PDB file of N, CA and C in Angstrom:
ATOM      1  N   MET A   1     -10.420  -1.164  48.684  1.00  0.00           N
ATOM      2  CA  MET A   1     -10.964  -1.245  50.008  1.00  0.00           C
ATOM      3  C   MET A   1     -11.607  -2.615  50.229  1.00  0.00           C
ATOM      4  N   ARG A   2     -12.232  -3.129  49.176  1.00  0.00           N
ATOM      5  CA  ARG A   2     -12.853  -4.445  49.330  1.00  0.00           C
ATOM      6  C   ARG A   2     -11.810  -5.536  49.504  1.00  0.00           C
ATOM      7  N   LEU A   3     -10.681  -5.406  48.808  1.00  0.00           N
ATOM      8  CA  LEU A   3      -9.622  -6.409  48.939  1.00  0.00           C
ATOM      9  C   LEU A   3      -9.055  -6.417  50.354  1.00  0.00           C
ATOM     10  N   LEU A   4      -8.801  -5.240  50.891  1.00  0.00           N
ATOM     11  CA  LEU A   4      -8.310  -5.149  52.264  1.00  0.00           C
ATOM     12  C   LEU A   4      -9.343  -5.702  53.237  1.00  0.00           C
ATOM     13  N   GLY A   5     -10.610  -5.423  52.986  1.00  0.00           N
ATOM     14  CA  GLY A   5     -11.674  -5.964  53.830  1.00  0.00           C
ATOM     15  C   GLY A   5     -11.706  -7.479  53.794  1.00  0.00           C
ATOM     16  N   ASN A   6     -11.544  -8.046  52.598  1.00  0.00           N
ATOM     17  CA  ASN A   6     -11.531  -9.505  52.478  1.00  0.00           C
ATOM     18  C   ASN A   6     -10.337 -10.114  53.207  1.00  0.00           C
ATOM     19  N   LEU A   7      -9.176  -9.473  53.081  1.00  0.00           N
ATOM     20  CA  LEU A   7      -7.986  -9.985  53.766  1.00  0.00           C
ATOM     21  C   LEU A   7      -8.149  -9.929  55.282  1.00  0.00           C
ATOM     22  N   LEU A   8      -8.639  -8.803  55.783  1.00  0.00           N
ATOM     23  CA  LEU A   8      -8.836  -8.677  57.225  1.00  0.00           C
ATOM     24  C   LEU A   8      -9.890  -9.652  57.727  1.00  0.00           C
ATOM     25  N   LEU A   9     -10.932  -9.860  56.942  1.00  0.00           N
ATOM     26  CA  LEU A   9     -11.963 -10.817  57.319  1.00  0.00           C
ATOM     27  C   LEU A   9     -11.380 -12.223  57.415  1.00  0.00           C
ATOM     28  N   GLY A  10     -10.558 -12.588  56.446  1.00  0.00           N
ATOM     29  CA  GLY A  10      -9.939 -13.915  56.461  1.00  0.00           C
ATOM     30  C   GLY A  10      -8.984 -14.101  57.618  1.00  0.00           C
ATOM     31  N   PHE A  11      -8.133 -13.099  57.866  1.00  0.00           N
ATOM     32  CA  PHE A  11      -7.210 -13.202  58.995  1.00  0.00           C
ATOM     33  C   PHE A  11      -7.960 -13.218  60.318  1.00  0.00           C
ATOM     34  N   GLY A  12      -9.032 -12.452  60.401  1.00  0.00           N
ATOM     35  CA  GLY A  12      -9.840 -12.451  61.619  1.00  0.00           C
ATOM     36  C   GLY A  12     -10.475 -13.807  61.873  1.00  0.00           C
ATOM     37  N   ALA A  13     -10.971 -14.430  60.810  1.00  0.00           N
ATOM     38  CA  ALA A  13     -11.571 -15.755  60.955  1.00  0.00           C
ATOM     39  C   ALA A  13     -10.519 -16.789  61.357  1.00  0.00           C
ATOM     40  N   LEU A  14      -9.332 -16.707  60.755  1.00  0.00           N
ATOM     41  CA  LEU A  14      -8.268 -17.649  61.115  1.00  0.00           C
ATOM     42  C   LEU A  14      -7.813 -17.474  62.562  1.00  0.00           C
ATOM     43  N   LEU A  15      -7.653 -16.224  62.989  1.00  0.00           N
ATOM     44  CA  LEU A  15      -7.253 -15.983  64.375  1.00  0.00           C
ATOM     45  C   LEU A  15      -8.346 -16.414  65.346  1.00  0.00           C
ATOM     46  N   GLY A  16      -9.596 -16.203  64.977  1.00  0.00           N
ATOM     47  CA  GLY A  16     -10.698 -16.663  65.820  1.00  0.00           C
ATOM     48  C   GLY A  16     -10.710 -18.173  65.951  1.00  0.00           C
ATOM     49  N   LEU A  17     -10.476 -18.865  64.851  1.00  0.00           N
ATOM     50  CA  LEU A  17     -10.413 -20.325  64.889  1.00  0.00           C
ATOM     51  C   LEU A  17      -9.230 -20.799  65.715  1.00  0.00           C
ATOM     52  N   LEU A  18      -8.085 -20.142  65.557  1.00  0.00           N
ATOM     53  CA  LEU A  18      -6.917 -20.482  66.365  1.00  0.00           C
ATOM     54  C   LEU A  18      -7.205 -20.252  67.845  1.00  0.00           C
ATOM     55  N   GLY A  19      -7.900 -19.160  68.150  1.00  0.00           N
ATOM     56  CA  GLY A  19      -8.261 -18.879  69.536  1.00  0.00           C
ATOM     57  C   GLY A  19      -9.188 -19.930  70.115  1.00  0.00           C
ATOM     58  N   LEU A  20     -10.089 -20.462  69.297  1.00  0.00           N
ATOM     59  CA  LEU A  20     -10.984 -21.513  69.782  1.00  0.00           C
ATOM     60  C   LEU A  20     -10.256 -22.837  69.979  1.00  0.00           C
ATOM     61  N   LEU A  21      -9.214 -23.067  69.192  1.00  0.00           N
ATOM     62  CA  LEU A  21      -8.503 -24.342  69.267  1.00  0.00           C
ATOM     63  C   LEU A  21      -7.436 -24.381  70.358  1.00  0.00           C
ATOM     64  N   THR A  22      -7.063 -23.244  70.912  1.00  0.00           N
ATOM     65  CA  THR A  22      -6.001 -23.217  71.921  1.00  0.00           C
ATOM     66  C   THR A  22      -6.599 -23.373  73.311  1.00  0.00           C
ATOM     67  N   VAL A  23      -6.887 -24.603  73.670  1.00  0.00           N
ATOM     68  CA  VAL A  23      -7.445 -24.861  75.007  1.00  0.00           C
ATOM     69  C   VAL A  23      -6.338 -25.023  76.040  1.00  0.00           C
ATOM     70  N   TRP A  24      -5.106 -25.281  75.592  1.00  0.00           N
ATOM     71  CA  TRP A  24      -4.016 -25.493  76.538  1.00  0.00           C
ATOM     72  C   TRP A  24      -3.445 -24.176  77.059  1.00  0.00           C
ATOM     73  N   MET A  25      -3.705 -23.074  76.348  1.00  0.00           N
ATOM     74  CA  MET A  25      -3.232 -21.752  76.791  1.00  0.00           C
ATOM     75  C   MET A  25      -4.402 -20.776  76.732  1.00  0.00           C
ATOM     76  N   PRO A  26      -5.192 -20.697  77.789  1.00  0.00           N
ATOM     77  CA  PRO A  26      -6.406 -19.872  77.729  1.00  0.00           C
ATOM     78  C   PRO A  26      -6.135 -18.385  77.489  1.00  0.00           C
ATOM     79  N   ILE A  27      -5.026 -17.850  78.011  1.00  0.00           N
ATOM     80  CA  ILE A  27      -4.730 -16.432  77.808  1.00  0.00           C
ATOM     81  C   ILE A  27      -4.456 -16.164  76.328  1.00  0.00           C
ATOM     82  N   PHE A  28      -3.653 -17.026  75.710  1.00  0.00           N
ATOM     83  CA  PHE A  28      -3.349 -16.888  74.287  1.00  0.00           C
ATOM     84  C   PHE A  28      -4.617 -17.055  73.448  1.00  0.00           C
ATOM     85  N   GLY A  29      -5.457 -18.002  73.826  1.00  0.00           N
ATOM     86  CA  GLY A  29      -6.711 -18.219  73.105  1.00  0.00           C
ATOM     87  C   GLY A  29      -7.634 -17.018  73.184  1.00  0.00           C
ATOM     88  N   LEU A  30      -7.731 -16.422  74.365  1.00  0.00           N
ATOM     89  CA  LEU A  30      -8.578 -15.242  74.527  1.00  0.00           C
ATOM     90  C   LEU A  30      -8.030 -14.062  73.729  1.00  0.00           C
ATOM     91  N   LEU A  31      -6.712 -13.920  73.724  1.00  0.00           N
ATOM     92  CA  LEU A  31      -6.085 -12.850  72.946  1.00  0.00           C
ATOM     93  C   LEU A  31      -6.351 -13.041  71.451  1.00  0.00           C
ATOM     94  N   CYS A  32      -6.196 -14.272  70.972  1.00  0.00           N
ATOM     95  CA  CYS A  32      -6.456 -14.552  69.552  1.00  0.00           C
ATOM     96  C   CYS A  32      -7.924 -14.317  69.200  1.00  0.00           C
ATOM     97  N   LEU A  33      -8.822 -14.721  70.093  1.00  0.00           N
ATOM     98  CA  LEU A  33     -10.241 -14.504  69.838  1.00  0.00           C
ATOM     99  C   LEU A  33     -10.576 -13.018  69.769  1.00  0.00           C
ATOM    100  N   THR A  34     -10.018 -12.249  70.681  1.00  0.00           N
ATOM    101  CA  THR A  34     -10.306 -10.814  70.714  1.00  0.00           C
ATOM    102  C   THR A  34      -9.779 -10.113  69.464  1.00  0.00           C
ATOM    103  N   ILE A  35      -8.530 -10.378  69.129  1.00  0.00           N
ATOM    104  CA  ILE A  35      -7.941  -9.755  67.938  1.00  0.00           C
ATOM    105  C   ILE A  35      -8.648 -10.245  66.676  1.00  0.00           C
ATOM    106  N   GLY A  36      -8.948 -11.536  66.619  1.00  0.00           N
ATOM    107  CA  GLY A  36      -9.637 -12.095  65.461  1.00  0.00           C
ATOM    108  C   GLY A  36     -11.015 -11.485  65.262  1.00  0.00           C
ATOM    109  N   PHE A  37     -11.746 -11.316  66.356  1.00  0.00           N
ATOM    110  CA  PHE A  37     -13.077 -10.710  66.251  1.00  0.00           C
ATOM    111  C   PHE A  37     -12.974  -9.261  65.783  1.00  0.00           C
ATOM    112  N   GLY A  38     -11.999  -8.534  66.299  1.00  0.00           N
ATOM    113  CA  GLY A  38     -11.804  -7.144  65.878  1.00  0.00           C
ATOM    114  C   GLY A  38     -11.474  -7.042  64.397  1.00  0.00           C
ATOM    115  N   LEU A  39     -10.562  -7.892  63.924  1.00  0.00           N
ATOM    116  CA  LEU A  39     -10.211  -7.890  62.498  1.00  0.00           C
ATOM    117  C   LEU A  39     -11.408  -8.270  61.633  1.00  0.00           C
ATOM    118  N   PHE A  40     -12.202  -9.212  62.118  1.00  0.00           N
ATOM    119  CA  PHE A  40     -13.383  -9.655  61.391  1.00  0.00           C
ATOM    120  C   PHE A  40     -14.380  -8.508  61.224  1.00  0.00           C
ATOM    121  N   VAL A  41     -14.615  -7.769  62.301  1.00  0.00           N
ATOM    122  CA  VAL A  41     -15.570  -6.656  62.253  1.00  0.00           C
ATOM    123  C   VAL A  41     -15.058  -5.536  61.346  1.00  0.00           C
ATOM    124  N   VAL A  42     -13.772  -5.203  61.462  1.00  0.00           N
ATOM    125  CA  VAL A  42     -13.198  -4.158  60.603  1.00  0.00           C
ATOM    126  C   VAL A  42     -13.233  -4.601  59.137  1.00  0.00           C
ATOM    127  N   GLY A  43     -12.969  -5.883  58.888  1.00  0.00           N
ATOM    128  CA  GLY A  43     -13.023  -6.403  57.522  1.00  0.00           C
ATOM    129  C   GLY A  43     -14.417  -6.314  56.926  1.00  0.00           C
ATOM    130  N   GLN A  44     -15.434  -6.639  57.722  1.00  0.00           N
ATOM    131  CA  GLN A  44     -16.808  -6.518  57.233  1.00  0.00           C
ATOM    132  C   GLN A  44     -17.148  -5.064  56.915  1.00  0.00           C
ATOM    133  N   PHE A  45     -16.719  -4.152  57.778  1.00  0.00           N
ATOM    134  CA  PHE A  45     -16.981  -2.728  57.552  1.00  0.00           C
ATOM    135  C   PHE A  45     -16.320  -2.255  56.253  1.00  0.00           C
ATOM    136  N   LEU A  46     -15.058  -2.641  56.037  1.00  0.00           N
ATOM    137  CA  LEU A  46     -14.354  -2.205  54.827  1.00  0.00           C
ATOM    138  C   LEU A  46     -14.966  -2.808  53.567  1.00  0.00           C
ATOM    139  N   ARG A  47     -15.413  -4.056  53.650  1.00  0.00           N
ATOM    140  CA  ARG A  47     -16.072  -4.663  52.491  1.00  0.00           C
ATOM    141  C   ARG A  47     -17.352  -3.922  52.144  1.00  0.00           C
ATOM    142  N   ARG A  48     -18.136  -3.589  53.172  1.00  0.00           N
ATOM    143  CA  ARG A  48     -19.388  -2.871  52.942  1.00  0.00           C
ATOM    144  C   ARG A  48     -19.130  -1.486  52.352  1.00  0.00           C
ATOM    145  N   LYS A  49     -18.131  -0.777  52.892  1.00  0.00           N
ATOM    146  CA  LYS A  49     -17.794   0.541  52.364  1.00  0.00           C
ATOM    147  C   LYS A  49     -17.293   0.435  50.919  1.00  0.00           C
ATOM    148  N   GLY A  50     -16.521  -0.603  50.622  1.00  0.00           N
ATOM    149  CA  GLY A  50     -16.038  -0.798  49.259  1.00  0.00           C
ATOM    150  C   GLY A  50     -17.167  -1.054  48.279  1.00  0.00           C
ATOM    151  N   ARG A  51     -18.149  -1.841  48.695  1.00  0.00           N
ATOM    152  CA  ARG A  51     -19.305  -2.090  47.828  1.00  0.00           C
ATOM    153  C   ARG A  51     -20.110  -0.819  47.599  1.00  0.00           C
ATOM    154  N   GLN A  52     -20.318  -0.044  48.664  1.00  0.00           N
ATOM    155  CA  GLN A  52     -21.052   1.219  48.515  1.00  0.00           C
ATOM    156  C   GLN A  52     -20.307   2.169  47.585  1.00  0.00           C
ATOM    157  N   HIS A  53     -19.000   2.219  47.731  1.00  0.00           N
ATOM    158  CA  HIS A  53     -18.190   3.101  46.888  1.00  0.00           C
ATOM    159  C   HIS A  53     -18.265   2.671  45.423  1.00  0.00           C
ATOM    160  N   ALA A  54     -18.246   1.355  45.181  1.00  0.00           N
ATOM    161  CA  ALA A  54     -18.332   0.856  43.806  1.00  0.00           C
ATOM    162  C   ALA A  54     -19.686   1.197  43.188  1.00  0.00           C
ATOM    163  N   VAL A  55     -20.752   1.090  43.968  1.00  0.00           N
ATOM    164  CA  VAL A  55     -22.084   1.415  43.450  1.00  0.00           C
ATOM    165  C   VAL A  55     -22.180   2.900  43.136  1.00  0.00           C
ATOM    166  N   LEU A  56     -21.666   3.736  44.032  1.00  0.00           N
ATOM    167  CA  LEU A  56     -21.702   5.182  43.783  1.00  0.00           C
ATOM    168  C   LEU A  56     -20.867   5.558  42.563  1.00  0.00           C
ATOM    169  N   ARG A  57     -19.734   4.892  42.396  1.00  0.00           N
ATOM    170  CA  ARG A  57     -18.887   5.176  41.237  1.00  0.00           C
ATOM    171  C   ARG A  57     -19.599   4.771  39.948  1.00  0.00           C
ATOM    172  N   LYS A  58     -20.304   3.644  40.005  1.00  0.00           N
ATOM    173  CA  LYS A  58     -21.025   3.183  38.823  1.00  0.00           C
ATOM    174  C   LYS A  58     -22.167   4.135  38.473  1.00  0.00           C
ATOM    175  N   GLN A  59     -22.753   4.762  39.490  1.00  0.00           N
ATOM    176  CA  GLN A  59     -23.852   5.698  39.251  1.00  0.00           C
ATOM    177  C   GLN A  59     -23.354   7.070  38.815  1.00  0.00           C
ATOM    178  N   GLY A  60     -22.054   7.281  38.837  1.00  0.00           N
ATOM    179  CA  GLY A  60     -21.501   8.528  38.343  1.00  0.00           C
ATOM    180  C   GLY A  60     -21.087   9.506  39.416  1.00  0.00           C
ATOM    181  N   ASP A  61     -21.152   9.121  40.676  1.00  0.00           N
ATOM    182  CA  ASP A  61     -20.735  10.017  41.752  1.00  0.00           C
ATOM    183  C   ASP A  61     -19.213  10.005  41.827  1.00  0.00           C
ATOM    184  N   ARG A  62     -18.601  11.180  41.779  1.00  0.00           N
ATOM    185  CA  ARG A  62     -17.144  11.270  41.815  1.00  0.00           C
ATOM    186  C   ARG A  62     -16.631  11.768  43.160  1.00  0.00           C
ATOM    187  N   GLY A  63     -17.469  11.756  44.194  1.00  0.00           N
ATOM    188  CA  GLY A  63     -17.033  12.184  45.521  1.00  0.00           C
ATOM    189  C   GLY A  63     -16.079  11.176  46.130  1.00  0.00           C
ATOM    190  N   LEU A  64     -15.436  11.564  47.209  1.00  0.00           N
ATOM    191  CA  LEU A  64     -14.474  10.659  47.830  1.00  0.00           C
ATOM    192  C   LEU A  64     -15.179   9.471  48.461  1.00  0.00           C
ATOM    193  N   PHE A  65     -16.187   9.731  49.316  1.00  0.00           N
ATOM    194  CA  PHE A  65     -16.928   8.618  49.931  1.00  0.00           C
ATOM    195  C   PHE A  65     -18.362   9.021  50.148  1.00  0.00           C
TER     196      PHE A  65
END
């Protein structure tokens, strides 16, 4: 889960940067910014859940989440 979170965070950051750099096509830039921000937020959530899951596993909890 943490790996997927890291990947989504990276792609979200790249799309956000691409959206900021596309001044010649404002619609495309806004679309990239929106999708990039969404991926960034989902990536942060998955990273946090992965860390919590790892801590619970280390403490001996065998539940799903």
